[in-house]
Amino acid sequence: PNFFNVLAIEIVFVGLAEAYRTGLIDPIFSELSVGDANPGGRFDPLNLASASDLEELKVKEVKHCRLAMFGWAGVLVQWPVTGKGPITNWAEHVADPWHYTIVGKH
């Protein structure tokens, strides 16, 4: 697939999902309401919304998302810094952890 086609499709669909989530566009189905996709909304298969610490769970979710974004940034930076992909860097580190580290080969 062409990168730009995939990027355009992703922008459209993610944009529509965010517009629905934030209330910029009306829900497609009459039984849905704005806020259904948020924690404590309609989608709650584990019944976590009934817990008294929903606000704490929301904060934890944001913190975990930020940590995941930081980790993904580390994956993206590996090629420009080392000239190798993340799997190759990980394999070299596992084979020789004292010489292949985050700061380079020693």
N, C-alpha and C. Protein backbone atom coordinates (compact mmCIF):
# COMPACT_ATOMS: atom_id res chain seq x y z
N PRO A 1 0.82 -1.20 0.00
CA PRO A 1 0.00 0.00 0.00
C PRO A 1 0.86 1.26 0.00
N ASN A 2 0.35 2.25 -0.61
CA ASN A 2 1.03 3.53 -0.68
C ASN A 2 0.96 4.22 0.69
N PHE A 3 2.08 4.74 1.15
CA PHE A 3 2.17 5.38 2.46
C PHE A 3 1.19 6.53 2.58
N PHE A 4 1.11 7.35 1.56
CA PHE A 4 0.27 8.55 1.63
C PHE A 4 -1.23 8.19 1.61
N ASN A 5 -1.59 7.10 0.91
CA ASN A 5 -2.98 6.65 0.96
C ASN A 5 -3.35 6.18 2.36
N VAL A 6 -2.46 5.40 2.97
CA VAL A 6 -2.71 4.92 4.33
C VAL A 6 -2.78 6.09 5.29
N LEU A 7 -1.88 7.06 5.14
CA LEU A 7 -1.88 8.23 6.01
C LEU A 7 -3.18 9.02 5.87
N ALA A 8 -3.65 9.20 4.63
CA ALA A 8 -4.89 9.94 4.40
C ALA A 8 -6.08 9.22 5.02
N ILE A 9 -6.15 7.91 4.83
CA ILE A 9 -7.26 7.13 5.40
C ILE A 9 -7.22 7.21 6.93
N GLU A 10 -6.03 7.10 7.50
CA GLU A 10 -5.91 7.18 8.95
C GLU A 10 -6.33 8.54 9.49
N ILE A 11 -5.94 9.59 8.82
CA ILE A 11 -6.31 10.94 9.25
C ILE A 11 -7.82 11.11 9.22
N VAL A 12 -8.46 10.60 8.17
CA VAL A 12 -9.91 10.74 8.06
C VAL A 12 -10.61 9.97 9.17
N PHE A 13 -10.27 8.70 9.34
CA PHE A 13 -10.98 7.89 10.32
C PHE A 13 -10.69 8.29 11.76
N VAL A 14 -9.44 8.60 12.07
CA VAL A 14 -9.13 9.05 13.42
C VAL A 14 -9.75 10.42 13.67
N GLY A 15 -9.74 11.28 12.66
CA GLY A 15 -10.38 12.58 12.79
C GLY A 15 -11.87 12.47 13.06
N LEU A 16 -12.54 11.54 12.34
CA LEU A 16 -13.97 11.33 12.58
C LEU A 16 -14.23 10.79 13.97
N ALA A 17 -13.39 9.85 14.41
CA ALA A 17 -13.57 9.29 15.75
C ALA A 17 -13.38 10.36 16.82
N GLU A 18 -12.39 11.21 16.65
CA GLU A 18 -12.16 12.28 17.63
C GLU A 18 -13.26 13.33 17.58
N ALA A 19 -13.75 13.62 16.38
CA ALA A 19 -14.85 14.58 16.26
C ALA A 19 -16.10 14.05 16.95
N TYR A 20 -16.37 12.76 16.81
CA TYR A 20 -17.51 12.16 17.50
C TYR A 20 -17.29 12.17 19.01
N ARG A 21 -16.08 11.80 19.44
CA ARG A 21 -15.80 11.71 20.87
C ARG A 21 -15.94 13.06 21.56
N THR A 22 -15.50 14.12 20.89
CA THR A 22 -15.53 15.44 21.51
C THR A 22 -16.85 16.18 21.29
N GLY A 23 -17.73 15.62 20.45
CA GLY A 23 -19.03 16.25 20.24
C GLY A 23 -19.08 17.23 19.09
N LEU A 24 -18.04 17.28 18.26
CA LEU A 24 -18.07 18.18 17.11
C LEU A 24 -19.07 17.72 16.06
N ILE A 25 -19.28 16.41 15.96
CA ILE A 25 -20.31 15.88 15.05
C ILE A 25 -21.29 15.05 15.88
N ASP A 26 -22.50 14.95 15.40
CA ASP A 26 -23.53 14.19 16.11
C ASP A 26 -23.27 12.70 15.95
N PRO A 27 -23.66 11.90 16.94
CA PRO A 27 -23.52 10.45 16.83
C PRO A 27 -24.31 9.91 15.65
N ILE A 28 -23.79 8.87 15.03
CA ILE A 28 -24.43 8.27 13.85
C ILE A 28 -25.70 7.53 14.26
N PHE A 29 -25.64 6.81 15.36
CA PHE A 29 -26.77 6.01 15.81
C PHE A 29 -27.50 6.74 16.93
N SER A 30 -28.81 6.64 16.94
CA SER A 30 -29.61 7.39 17.91
C SER A 30 -29.40 6.92 19.34
N GLU A 31 -29.01 5.65 19.54
CA GLU A 31 -28.84 5.16 20.92
C GLU A 31 -27.51 5.58 21.54
N LEU A 32 -26.62 6.16 20.76
CA LEU A 32 -25.34 6.61 21.29
C LEU A 32 -25.43 8.07 21.71
N SER A 33 -24.58 8.43 22.65
CA SER A 33 -24.50 9.83 23.06
C SER A 33 -23.04 10.22 23.19
N VAL A 34 -22.79 11.51 23.15
CA VAL A 34 -21.42 11.99 23.27
C VAL A 34 -20.89 11.62 24.65
N GLY A 35 -19.68 11.10 24.71
CA GLY A 35 -19.09 10.68 25.97
C GLY A 35 -19.15 9.19 26.19
N ASP A 36 -19.77 8.46 25.28
CA ASP A 36 -19.84 7.01 25.43
C ASP A 36 -18.48 6.35 25.39
N ALA A 37 -17.55 6.90 24.64
CA ALA A 37 -16.24 6.28 24.47
C ALA A 37 -15.29 6.60 25.63
N ASN A 38 -15.65 7.53 26.48
CA ASN A 38 -14.80 7.90 27.59
C ASN A 38 -14.89 6.89 28.72
N PRO A 39 -13.88 6.81 29.58
CA PRO A 39 -13.97 5.91 30.72
C PRO A 39 -15.22 6.23 31.55
N GLY A 40 -15.96 5.19 31.87
CA GLY A 40 -17.20 5.37 32.60
C GLY A 40 -18.39 5.56 31.69
N GLY A 41 -18.16 5.53 30.39
CA GLY A 41 -19.24 5.69 29.43
C GLY A 41 -19.91 4.36 29.12
N ARG A 42 -20.48 4.25 27.93
CA ARG A 42 -21.24 3.07 27.56
C ARG A 42 -20.36 1.82 27.46
N PHE A 43 -19.16 1.95 26.93
CA PHE A 43 -18.27 0.80 26.77
C PHE A 43 -17.51 0.57 28.08
N ASP A 44 -17.95 -0.39 28.85
CA ASP A 44 -17.32 -0.71 30.14
C ASP A 44 -17.46 -2.20 30.40
N PRO A 45 -16.74 -3.06 29.64
CA PRO A 45 -16.93 -4.50 29.78
C PRO A 45 -16.49 -5.07 31.12
N LEU A 46 -15.56 -4.42 31.80
CA LEU A 46 -15.08 -4.92 33.09
C LEU A 46 -15.77 -4.26 34.27
N ASN A 47 -16.75 -3.39 33.98
CA ASN A 47 -17.52 -2.71 35.01
C ASN A 47 -16.63 -1.89 35.95
N LEU A 48 -15.65 -1.22 35.37
CA LEU A 48 -14.74 -0.40 36.17
C LEU A 48 -15.35 0.94 36.56
N ALA A 49 -16.37 1.37 35.83
CA ALA A 49 -16.97 2.66 36.12
C ALA A 49 -17.70 2.66 37.45
N SER A 50 -18.12 1.50 37.92
CA SER A 50 -18.83 1.46 39.19
C SER A 50 -17.88 1.58 40.38
N ALA A 51 -16.59 1.46 40.14
CA ALA A 51 -15.62 1.61 41.23
C ALA A 51 -15.59 3.07 41.67
N SER A 52 -15.27 3.28 42.91
CA SER A 52 -15.28 4.64 43.45
C SER A 52 -14.06 5.45 43.02
N ASP A 53 -13.07 4.79 42.46
CA ASP A 53 -11.83 5.49 42.10
C ASP A 53 -11.71 5.71 40.58
N LEU A 54 -12.81 6.07 39.92
CA LEU A 54 -12.80 6.27 38.47
C LEU A 54 -11.86 7.41 38.08
N GLU A 55 -11.86 8.49 38.84
CA GLU A 55 -10.97 9.62 38.52
C GLU A 55 -9.51 9.20 38.64
N GLU A 56 -9.19 8.39 39.62
CA GLU A 56 -7.82 7.89 39.77
C GLU A 56 -7.45 7.00 38.59
N LEU A 57 -8.38 6.18 38.14
CA LEU A 57 -8.12 5.32 36.98
C LEU A 57 -7.89 6.14 35.72
N LYS A 58 -8.61 7.25 35.57
CA LYS A 58 -8.40 8.13 34.41
C LYS A 58 -6.99 8.72 34.42
N VAL A 59 -6.53 9.14 35.60
CA VAL A 59 -5.17 9.70 35.71
C VAL A 59 -4.13 8.63 35.40
N LYS A 60 -4.35 7.41 35.89
CA LYS A 60 -3.42 6.32 35.61
C LYS A 60 -3.37 6.01 34.12
N GLU A 61 -4.53 6.08 33.45
CA GLU A 61 -4.57 5.82 32.02
C GLU A 61 -3.73 6.85 31.26
N VAL A 62 -3.85 8.11 31.63
CA VAL A 62 -3.07 9.16 30.97
C VAL A 62 -1.58 8.95 31.20
N LYS A 63 -1.21 8.60 32.43
CA LYS A 63 0.20 8.37 32.74
C LYS A 63 0.76 7.20 31.94
N HIS A 64 -0.01 6.12 31.83
CA HIS A 64 0.46 4.97 31.06
C HIS A 64 0.56 5.30 29.58
N CYS A 65 -0.36 6.11 29.07
CA CYS A 65 -0.29 6.51 27.67
C CYS A 65 0.96 7.35 27.41
N ARG A 66 1.28 8.23 28.33
CA ARG A 66 2.49 9.04 28.15
C ARG A 66 3.75 8.18 28.18
N LEU A 67 3.77 7.20 29.06
CA LEU A 67 4.91 6.28 29.12
C LEU A 67 5.02 5.48 27.83
N ALA A 68 3.90 5.04 27.29
CA ALA A 68 3.91 4.29 26.03
C ALA A 68 4.40 5.17 24.88
N MET A 69 4.00 6.44 24.85
CA MET A 69 4.47 7.34 23.79
C MET A 69 5.97 7.58 23.91
N PHE A 70 6.47 7.68 25.12
CA PHE A 70 7.91 7.86 25.34
C PHE A 70 8.67 6.62 24.86
N GLY A 71 8.14 5.43 25.15
CA GLY A 71 8.76 4.20 24.70
C GLY A 71 8.76 4.09 23.18
N TRP A 72 7.65 4.48 22.56
CA TRP A 72 7.58 4.43 21.10
C TRP A 72 8.56 5.43 20.48
N ALA A 73 8.74 6.58 21.11
CA ALA A 73 9.73 7.54 20.61
C ALA A 73 11.13 6.92 20.65
N GLY A 74 11.41 6.13 21.69
CA GLY A 74 12.70 5.44 21.77
C GLY A 74 12.88 4.45 20.64
N VAL A 75 11.81 3.77 20.26
CA VAL A 75 11.88 2.83 19.14
C VAL A 75 12.17 3.58 17.84
N LEU A 76 11.51 4.72 17.65
CA LEU A 76 11.69 5.48 16.41
C LEU A 76 13.07 6.11 16.30
N VAL A 77 13.70 6.44 17.41
CA VAL A 77 14.98 7.13 17.40
C VAL A 77 16.15 6.16 17.20
N GLN A 78 15.93 4.87 17.39
CA GLN A 78 17.04 3.91 17.34
C GLN A 78 17.72 3.87 15.98
N TRP A 79 16.98 3.89 14.90
CA TRP A 79 17.61 3.80 13.58
C TRP A 79 18.50 5.02 13.29
N PRO A 80 18.01 6.24 13.48
CA PRO A 80 18.90 7.39 13.20
C PRO A 80 20.14 7.43 14.09
N VAL A 81 20.03 6.93 15.32
CA VAL A 81 21.15 7.01 16.25
C VAL A 81 22.16 5.89 16.01
N THR A 82 21.68 4.65 15.87
CA THR A 82 22.58 3.50 15.79
C THR A 82 22.75 2.94 14.39
N GLY A 83 21.85 3.27 13.47
CA GLY A 83 21.91 2.71 12.14
C GLY A 83 21.34 1.29 12.07
N LYS A 84 20.72 0.85 13.15
CA LYS A 84 20.12 -0.48 13.22
C LYS A 84 18.71 -0.35 13.79
N GLY A 85 17.88 -1.32 13.49
CA GLY A 85 16.52 -1.32 13.99
C GLY A 85 16.45 -1.76 15.44
N PRO A 86 15.28 -1.60 16.07
CA PRO A 86 15.14 -1.93 17.49
C PRO A 86 15.34 -3.42 17.79
N ILE A 87 14.93 -4.29 16.88
CA ILE A 87 15.08 -5.73 17.14
C ILE A 87 16.55 -6.12 17.10
N THR A 88 17.30 -5.57 16.16
CA THR A 88 18.74 -5.84 16.10
C THR A 88 19.44 -5.31 17.33
N ASN A 89 19.10 -4.11 17.74
CA ASN A 89 19.70 -3.54 18.96
C ASN A 89 19.38 -4.38 20.18
N TRP A 90 18.14 -4.85 20.28
CA TRP A 90 17.75 -5.68 21.42
C TRP A 90 18.51 -7.00 21.40
N ALA A 91 18.63 -7.63 20.21
CA ALA A 91 19.33 -8.91 20.11
C ALA A 91 20.80 -8.76 20.49
N GLU A 92 21.45 -7.68 20.05
CA GLU A 92 22.85 -7.45 20.43
C GLU A 92 22.98 -7.23 21.93
N HIS A 93 22.02 -6.51 22.52
CA HIS A 93 22.09 -6.27 23.97
C HIS A 93 21.88 -7.56 24.75
N VAL A 94 20.96 -8.40 24.31
CA VAL A 94 20.71 -9.67 25.01
C VAL A 94 21.93 -10.58 24.90
N ALA A 95 22.59 -10.57 23.74
CA ALA A 95 23.76 -11.42 23.55
C ALA A 95 24.95 -10.95 24.39
N ASP A 96 25.10 -9.65 24.56
CA ASP A 96 26.24 -9.11 25.31
C ASP A 96 25.79 -7.85 26.06
N PRO A 97 25.08 -7.99 27.18
CA PRO A 97 24.50 -6.83 27.86
C PRO A 97 25.51 -5.88 28.47
N TRP A 98 26.73 -6.31 28.71
CA TRP A 98 27.71 -5.42 29.32
C TRP A 98 28.39 -4.51 28.31
N HIS A 99 28.31 -4.85 27.03
CA HIS A 99 28.98 -4.04 26.02
C HIS A 99 28.02 -3.32 25.08
N TYR A 100 26.84 -3.83 24.86
CA TYR A 100 25.82 -3.17 24.04
C TYR A 100 24.76 -2.60 24.98
N THR A 101 24.86 -1.28 25.22
CA THR A 101 23.95 -0.64 26.17
C THR A 101 23.22 0.51 25.50
N ILE A 102 22.47 1.25 26.30
CA ILE A 102 21.70 2.38 25.76
C ILE A 102 22.61 3.50 25.24
N VAL A 103 23.81 3.58 25.75
CA VAL A 103 24.73 4.63 25.31
C VAL A 103 25.64 4.20 24.18
N GLY A 104 25.54 2.96 23.73
CA GLY A 104 26.33 2.49 22.60
C GLY A 104 27.16 1.28 22.92
N LYS A 105 28.02 0.94 21.96
CA LYS A 105 28.88 -0.22 22.11
C LYS A 105 30.13 0.20 22.89
N HIS A 106 30.50 -0.60 23.89
CA HIS A 106 31.67 -0.29 24.71
C HIS A 106 32.71 -1.36 24.50
